Amino acid sequence: FFTSDSADHSTNLPSYVEIKLKMK
């Protein structure tokens, strides 16, 4: 999971979250 600002979040949400999957 990658956040929009490349930072960690605990009490607020990032603008968006990129979900990355790799299946073999």
PDB file of all heavy atoms in Angstrom:
ATOM      1  N   PHE A   1       0.854  -1.187   0.000  1.00  0.00           N
ATOM      2  CA  PHE A   1       0.000   0.000   0.000  1.00  0.00           C
ATOM      3  C   PHE A   1       0.897   1.247   0.000  1.00  0.00           C
ATOM      4  O   PHE A   1       1.826   1.349   0.808  1.00  0.00           O
ATOM      5  CB  PHE A   1      -0.907   0.011   1.241  1.00  0.00           C
ATOM      6  CG  PHE A   1      -1.830  -1.171   1.319  1.00  0.00           C
ATOM      7  CD1 PHE A   1      -1.445  -2.335   1.977  1.00  0.00           C
ATOM      8  CD2 PHE A   1      -3.082  -1.132   0.716  1.00  0.00           C
ATOM      9  CE1 PHE A   1      -2.295  -3.430   2.044  1.00  0.00           C
ATOM     10  CE2 PHE A   1      -3.940  -2.221   0.778  1.00  0.00           C
ATOM     11  CZ  PHE A   1      -3.541  -3.369   1.443  1.00  0.00           C
ATOM     12  N   PHE A   2       0.602   2.183  -0.896  1.00  0.00           N
ATOM     13  CA  PHE A   2       1.389   3.408  -1.015  1.00  0.00           C
ATOM     14  C   PHE A   2       0.459   4.609  -0.849  1.00  0.00           C
ATOM     15  O   PHE A   2      -0.594   4.683  -1.486  1.00  0.00           O
ATOM     16  CB  PHE A   2       2.087   3.480  -2.373  1.00  0.00           C
ATOM     17  CG  PHE A   2       3.094   2.387  -2.598  1.00  0.00           C
ATOM     18  CD1 PHE A   2       2.729   1.204  -3.231  1.00  0.00           C
ATOM     19  CD2 PHE A   2       4.405   2.534  -2.167  1.00  0.00           C
ATOM     20  CE1 PHE A   2       3.647   0.192  -3.437  1.00  0.00           C
ATOM     21  CE2 PHE A   2       5.336   1.524  -2.379  1.00  0.00           C
ATOM     22  CZ  PHE A   2       4.954   0.347  -3.007  1.00  0.00           C
ATOM     23  N   THR A   3       0.862   5.530   0.019  1.00  0.00           N
ATOM     24  CA  THR A   3       0.049   6.722   0.254  1.00  0.00           C
ATOM     25  C   THR A   3       0.380   7.806  -0.769  1.00  0.00           C
ATOM     26  O   THR A   3       1.445   7.806  -1.384  1.00  0.00           O
ATOM     27  CB  THR A   3       0.296   7.263   1.674  1.00  0.00           C
ATOM     28  OG1 THR A   3       1.689   7.585   1.819  1.00  0.00           O
ATOM     29  CG2 THR A   3      -0.085   6.221   2.712  1.00  0.00           C
ATOM     30  N   SER A   4      -0.556   8.736  -0.927  1.00  0.00           N
ATOM     31  CA  SER A   4      -0.391   9.788  -1.936  1.00  0.00           C
ATOM     32  C   SER A   4       0.791  10.704  -1.632  1.00  0.00           C
ATOM     33  O   SER A   4       1.438  11.220  -2.547  1.00  0.00           O
ATOM     34  CB  SER A   4      -1.670  10.615  -2.029  1.00  0.00           C
ATOM     35  OG  SER A   4      -2.003  11.150  -0.748  1.00  0.00           O
ATOM     36  N   ASP A   5       1.100  10.907  -0.345  1.00  0.00           N
ATOM     37  CA  ASP A   5       2.198  11.796   0.038  1.00  0.00           C
ATOM     38  C   ASP A   5       3.436  11.051   0.516  1.00  0.00           C
ATOM     39  O   ASP A   5       4.364  11.651   1.066  1.00  0.00           O
ATOM     40  CB  ASP A   5       1.735  12.757   1.134  1.00  0.00           C
ATOM     41  CG  ASP A   5       1.138  12.028   2.331  1.00  0.00           C
ATOM     42  OD1 ASP A   5       1.125  10.768   2.318  1.00  0.00           O
ATOM     43  OD2 ASP A   5       0.660  12.707   3.262  1.00  0.00           O
ATOM     44  N   SER A   6       3.438   9.716   0.315  1.00  0.00           N
ATOM     45  CA  SER A   6       4.579   8.866   0.713  1.00  0.00           C
ATOM     46  C   SER A   6       4.881   8.966   2.200  1.00  0.00           C
ATOM     47  O   SER A   6       6.030   8.777   2.625  1.00  0.00           O
ATOM     48  CB  SER A   6       5.841   9.223  -0.099  1.00  0.00           C
ATOM     49  OG  SER A   6       5.603   9.078  -1.482  1.00  0.00           O
ATOM     50  N   ALA A   7       3.872   9.254   3.003  1.00  0.00           N
ATOM     51  CA  ALA A   7       4.046   9.367   4.446  1.00  0.00           C
ATOM     52  C   ALA A   7       3.122   8.373   5.142  1.00  0.00           C
ATOM     53  O   ALA A   7       2.165   7.858   4.553  1.00  0.00           O
ATOM     54  CB  ALA A   7       3.744  10.794   4.912  1.00  0.00           C
ATOM     55  N   ASP A   8       3.417   8.111   6.417  1.00  0.00           N
ATOM     56  CA  ASP A   8       2.573   7.231   7.221  1.00  0.00           C
ATOM     57  C   ASP A   8       1.429   8.036   7.837  1.00  0.00           C
ATOM     58  O   ASP A   8       1.596   9.220   8.178  1.00  0.00           O
ATOM     59  CB  ASP A   8       3.395   6.570   8.327  1.00  0.00           C
ATOM     60  CG  ASP A   8       4.524   5.705   7.766  1.00  0.00           C
ATOM     61  OD1 ASP A   8       4.414   5.294   6.595  1.00  0.00           O
ATOM     62  OD2 ASP A   8       5.506   5.457   8.501  1.00  0.00           O
ATOM     63  N   HIS A   9       0.278   7.400   8.006  1.00  0.00           N
ATOM     64  CA  HIS A   9      -0.897   8.083   8.543  1.00  0.00           C
ATOM     65  C   HIS A   9      -1.507   7.250   9.662  1.00  0.00           C
ATOM     66  O   HIS A   9      -1.630   6.031   9.539  1.00  0.00           O
ATOM     67  CB  HIS A   9      -1.936   8.306   7.438  1.00  0.00           C
ATOM     68  CG  HIS A   9      -1.512   9.302   6.408  1.00  0.00           C
ATOM     69  ND1 HIS A   9      -1.980  10.595   6.388  1.00  0.00           N
ATOM     70  CD2 HIS A   9      -0.654   9.194   5.362  1.00  0.00           C
ATOM     71  CE1 HIS A   9      -1.436  11.243   5.369  1.00  0.00           C
ATOM     72  NE2 HIS A   9      -0.626  10.410   4.730  1.00  0.00           N
ATOM     73  N   SER A  10      -1.902   7.955  10.739  1.00  0.00           N
ATOM     74  CA  SER A  10      -2.554   7.276  11.870  1.00  0.00           C
ATOM     75  C   SER A  10      -3.833   7.995  12.308  1.00  0.00           C
ATOM     76  O   SER A  10      -4.842   7.350  12.567  1.00  0.00           O
ATOM     77  CB  SER A  10      -1.581   7.158  13.048  1.00  0.00           C
ATOM     78  OG  SER A  10      -1.136   8.455  13.449  1.00  0.00           O
ATOM     79  N   THR A  11      -3.799   9.323  12.399  1.00  0.00           N
ATOM     80  CA  THR A  11      -4.979  10.064  12.845  1.00  0.00           C
ATOM     81  C   THR A  11      -5.655  10.820  11.718  1.00  0.00           C
ATOM     82  O   THR A  11      -6.646  11.508  11.937  1.00  0.00           O
ATOM     83  CB  THR A  11      -4.591  11.053  13.958  1.00  0.00           C
ATOM     84  OG1 THR A  11      -3.592  11.948  13.468  1.00  0.00           O
ATOM     85  CG2 THR A  11      -4.066  10.307  15.177  1.00  0.00           C
ATOM     86  N   ASN A  12      -5.136  10.739  10.521  1.00  0.00           N
ATOM     87  CA  ASN A  12      -5.769  11.353   9.350  1.00  0.00           C
ATOM     88  C   ASN A  12      -5.527  10.463   8.139  1.00  0.00           C
ATOM     89  O   ASN A  12      -4.667   9.582   8.156  1.00  0.00           O
ATOM     90  CB  ASN A  12      -5.225  12.763   9.108  1.00  0.00           C
ATOM     91  CG  ASN A  12      -3.752  12.747   8.735  1.00  0.00           C
ATOM     92  OD1 ASN A  12      -2.998  11.895   9.199  1.00  0.00           O
ATOM     93  ND2 ASN A  12      -3.339  13.687   7.920  1.00  0.00           N
ATOM     94  N   LEU A  13      -6.301  10.699   7.094  1.00  0.00           N
ATOM     95  CA  LEU A  13      -6.222   9.866   5.901  1.00  0.00           C
ATOM     96  C   LEU A  13      -5.445  10.577   4.802  1.00  0.00           C
ATOM     97  O   LEU A  13      -5.539  11.801   4.672  1.00  0.00           O
ATOM     98  CB  LEU A  13      -7.625   9.527   5.394  1.00  0.00           C
ATOM     99  CG  LEU A  13      -8.509   8.712   6.337  1.00  0.00           C
ATOM    100  CD1 LEU A  13      -9.930   8.627   5.782  1.00  0.00           C
ATOM    101  CD2 LEU A  13      -7.934   7.314   6.546  1.00  0.00           C
ATOM    102  N   PRO A  14      -4.714   9.830   3.991  1.00  0.00           N
ATOM    103  CA  PRO A  14      -4.073  10.452   2.820  1.00  0.00           C
ATOM    104  C   PRO A  14      -5.114  10.764   1.752  1.00  0.00           C
ATOM    105  O   PRO A  14      -6.263  10.319   1.821  1.00  0.00           O
ATOM    106  CB  PRO A  14      -3.097   9.366   2.357  1.00  0.00           C
ATOM    107  CG  PRO A  14      -3.731   8.089   2.804  1.00  0.00           C
ATOM    108  CD  PRO A  14      -4.417   8.401   4.105  1.00  0.00           C
ATOM    109  N   SER A  15      -4.716  11.536   0.749  1.00  0.00           N
ATOM    110  CA  SER A  15      -5.640  11.848  -0.336  1.00  0.00           C
ATOM    111  C   SER A  15      -6.090  10.595  -1.064  1.00  0.00           C
ATOM    112  O   SER A  15      -7.259  10.462  -1.435  1.00  0.00           O
ATOM    113  CB  SER A  15      -4.980  12.825  -1.325  1.00  0.00           C
ATOM    114  OG  SER A  15      -4.669  14.051  -0.693  1.00  0.00           O
ATOM    115  N   TYR A  16      -5.177   9.687  -1.270  1.00  0.00           N
ATOM    116  CA  TYR A  16      -5.540   8.396  -1.847  1.00  0.00           C
ATOM    117  C   TYR A  16      -4.480   7.375  -1.471  1.00  0.00           C
ATOM    118  O   TYR A  16      -3.380   7.727  -1.030  1.00  0.00           O
ATOM    119  CB  TYR A  16      -5.701   8.477  -3.377  1.00  0.00           C
ATOM    120  CG  TYR A  16      -4.438   8.784  -4.141  1.00  0.00           C
ATOM    121  CD1 TYR A  16      -3.557   7.783  -4.528  1.00  0.00           C
ATOM    122  CD2 TYR A  16      -4.125  10.101  -4.489  1.00  0.00           C
ATOM    123  CE1 TYR A  16      -2.402   8.069  -5.233  1.00  0.00           C
ATOM    124  CE2 TYR A  16      -2.966  10.389  -5.198  1.00  0.00           C
ATOM    125  CZ  TYR A  16      -2.114   9.367  -5.574  1.00  0.00           C
ATOM    126  OH  TYR A  16      -0.970   9.652  -6.272  1.00  0.00           O
ATOM    127  N   VAL A  17      -4.829   6.123  -1.641  1.00  0.00           N
ATOM    128  CA  VAL A  17      -3.923   5.010  -1.367  1.00  0.00           C
ATOM    129  C   VAL A  17      -3.841   4.149  -2.616  1.00  0.00           C
ATOM    130  O   VAL A  17      -4.870   3.768  -3.186  1.00  0.00           O
ATOM    131  CB  VAL A  17      -4.409   4.160  -0.176  1.00  0.00           C
ATOM    132  CG1 VAL A  17      -3.499   2.944   0.012  1.00  0.00           C
ATOM    133  CG2 VAL A  17      -4.447   4.994   1.092  1.00  0.00           C
ATOM    134  N   GLU A  18      -2.630   3.881  -3.054  1.00  0.00           N
ATOM    135  CA  GLU A  18      -2.422   3.007  -4.208  1.00  0.00           C
ATOM    136  C   GLU A  18      -2.208   1.585  -3.713  1.00  0.00           C
ATOM    137  O   GLU A  18      -1.374   1.334  -2.844  1.00  0.00           O
ATOM    138  CB  GLU A  18      -1.208   3.473  -5.006  1.00  0.00           C
ATOM    139  CG  GLU A  18      -0.942   2.654  -6.256  1.00  0.00           C
ATOM    140  CD  GLU A  18       0.288   3.127  -6.992  1.00  0.00           C
ATOM    141  OE1 GLU A  18       0.251   4.245  -7.554  1.00  0.00           O
ATOM    142  OE2 GLU A  18       1.293   2.399  -6.977  1.00  0.00           O
ATOM    143  N   ILE A  19      -2.976   0.664  -4.264  1.00  0.00           N
ATOM    144  CA  ILE A  19      -2.887  -0.745  -3.895  1.00  0.00           C
ATOM    145  C   ILE A  19      -2.133  -1.486  -4.996  1.00  0.00           C
ATOM    146  O   ILE A  19      -2.516  -1.423  -6.165  1.00  0.00           O
ATOM    147  CB  ILE A  19      -4.285  -1.358  -3.716  1.00  0.00           C
ATOM    148  CG1 ILE A  19      -5.078  -0.574  -2.679  1.00  0.00           C
ATOM    149  CG2 ILE A  19      -4.171  -2.829  -3.297  1.00  0.00           C
ATOM    150  CD1 ILE A  19      -6.533  -0.988  -2.603  1.00  0.00           C
ATOM    151  N   LYS A  20      -1.099  -2.183  -4.625  1.00  0.00           N
ATOM    152  CA  LYS A  20      -0.280  -2.909  -5.597  1.00  0.00           C
ATOM    153  C   LYS A  20      -0.312  -4.398  -5.282  1.00  0.00           C
ATOM    154  O   LYS A  20      -0.002  -4.813  -4.170  1.00  0.00           O
ATOM    155  CB  LYS A  20       1.161  -2.398  -5.578  1.00  0.00           C
ATOM    156  CG  LYS A  20       2.053  -3.040  -6.623  1.00  0.00           C
ATOM    157  CD  LYS A  20       3.455  -2.448  -6.580  1.00  0.00           C
ATOM    158  CE  LYS A  20       4.366  -3.078  -7.620  1.00  0.00           C
ATOM    159  NZ  LYS A  20       5.740  -2.510  -7.546  1.00  0.00           N
ATOM    160  N   LEU A  21      -0.691  -5.195  -6.293  1.00  0.00           N
ATOM    161  CA  LEU A  21      -0.716  -6.648  -6.159  1.00  0.00           C
ATOM    162  C   LEU A  21       0.207  -7.279  -7.192  1.00  0.00           C
ATOM    163  O   LEU A  21       0.275  -6.808  -8.331  1.00  0.00           O
ATOM    164  CB  LEU A  21      -2.134  -7.194  -6.372  1.00  0.00           C
ATOM    165  CG  LEU A  21      -3.192  -6.872  -5.318  1.00  0.00           C
ATOM    166  CD1 LEU A  21      -4.515  -7.493  -5.733  1.00  0.00           C
ATOM    167  CD2 LEU A  21      -2.776  -7.382  -3.963  1.00  0.00           C
ATOM    168  N   LYS A  22       0.883  -8.336  -6.788  1.00  0.00           N
ATOM    169  CA  LYS A  22       1.680  -9.131  -7.721  1.00  0.00           C
ATOM    170  C   LYS A  22       1.323 -10.597  -7.494  1.00  0.00           C
ATOM    171  O   LYS A  22       1.546 -11.131  -6.421  1.00  0.00           O
ATOM    172  CB  LYS A  22       3.182  -8.912  -7.505  1.00  0.00           C
ATOM    173  CG  LYS A  22       3.673  -7.536  -7.901  1.00  0.00           C
ATOM    174  CD  LYS A  22       5.190  -7.484  -8.014  1.00  0.00           C
ATOM    175  CE  LYS A  22       5.869  -7.840  -6.720  1.00  0.00           C
ATOM    176  NZ  LYS A  22       7.357  -7.753  -6.832  1.00  0.00           N
ATOM    177  N   MET A  23       0.753 -11.207  -8.532  1.00  0.00           N
ATOM    178  CA  MET A  23       0.351 -12.602  -8.435  1.00  0.00           C
ATOM    179  C   MET A  23       1.154 -13.404  -9.453  1.00  0.00           C
ATOM    180  O   MET A  23       1.466 -12.914 -10.530  1.00  0.00           O
ATOM    181  CB  MET A  23      -1.154 -12.732  -8.685  1.00  0.00           C
ATOM    182  CG  MET A  23      -1.967 -11.841  -7.761  1.00  0.00           C
ATOM    183  SD  MET A  23      -3.753 -11.993  -7.986  1.00  0.00           S
ATOM    184  CE  MET A  23      -4.014 -13.552  -7.168  1.00  0.00           C
ATOM    185  N   LYS A  24       1.488 -14.626  -9.108  1.00  0.00           N
ATOM    186  CA  LYS A  24       2.401 -15.399  -9.940  1.00  0.00           C
ATOM    187  C   LYS A  24       1.684 -16.557 -10.629  1.00  0.00           C
ATOM    188  O   LYS A  24       0.774 -17.170 -10.089  1.00  0.00           O
ATOM    189  CB  LYS A  24       3.566 -15.931  -9.110  1.00  0.00           C
ATOM    190  CG  LYS A  24       3.170 -16.800  -7.917  1.00  0.00           C
ATOM    191  CD  LYS A  24       4.392 -17.188  -7.123  1.00  0.00           C
ATOM    192  CE  LYS A  24       4.022 -18.052  -5.916  1.00  0.00           C
ATOM    193  NZ  LYS A  24       5.207 -18.430  -5.122  1.00  0.00           N
TER     194      LYS A  24
END
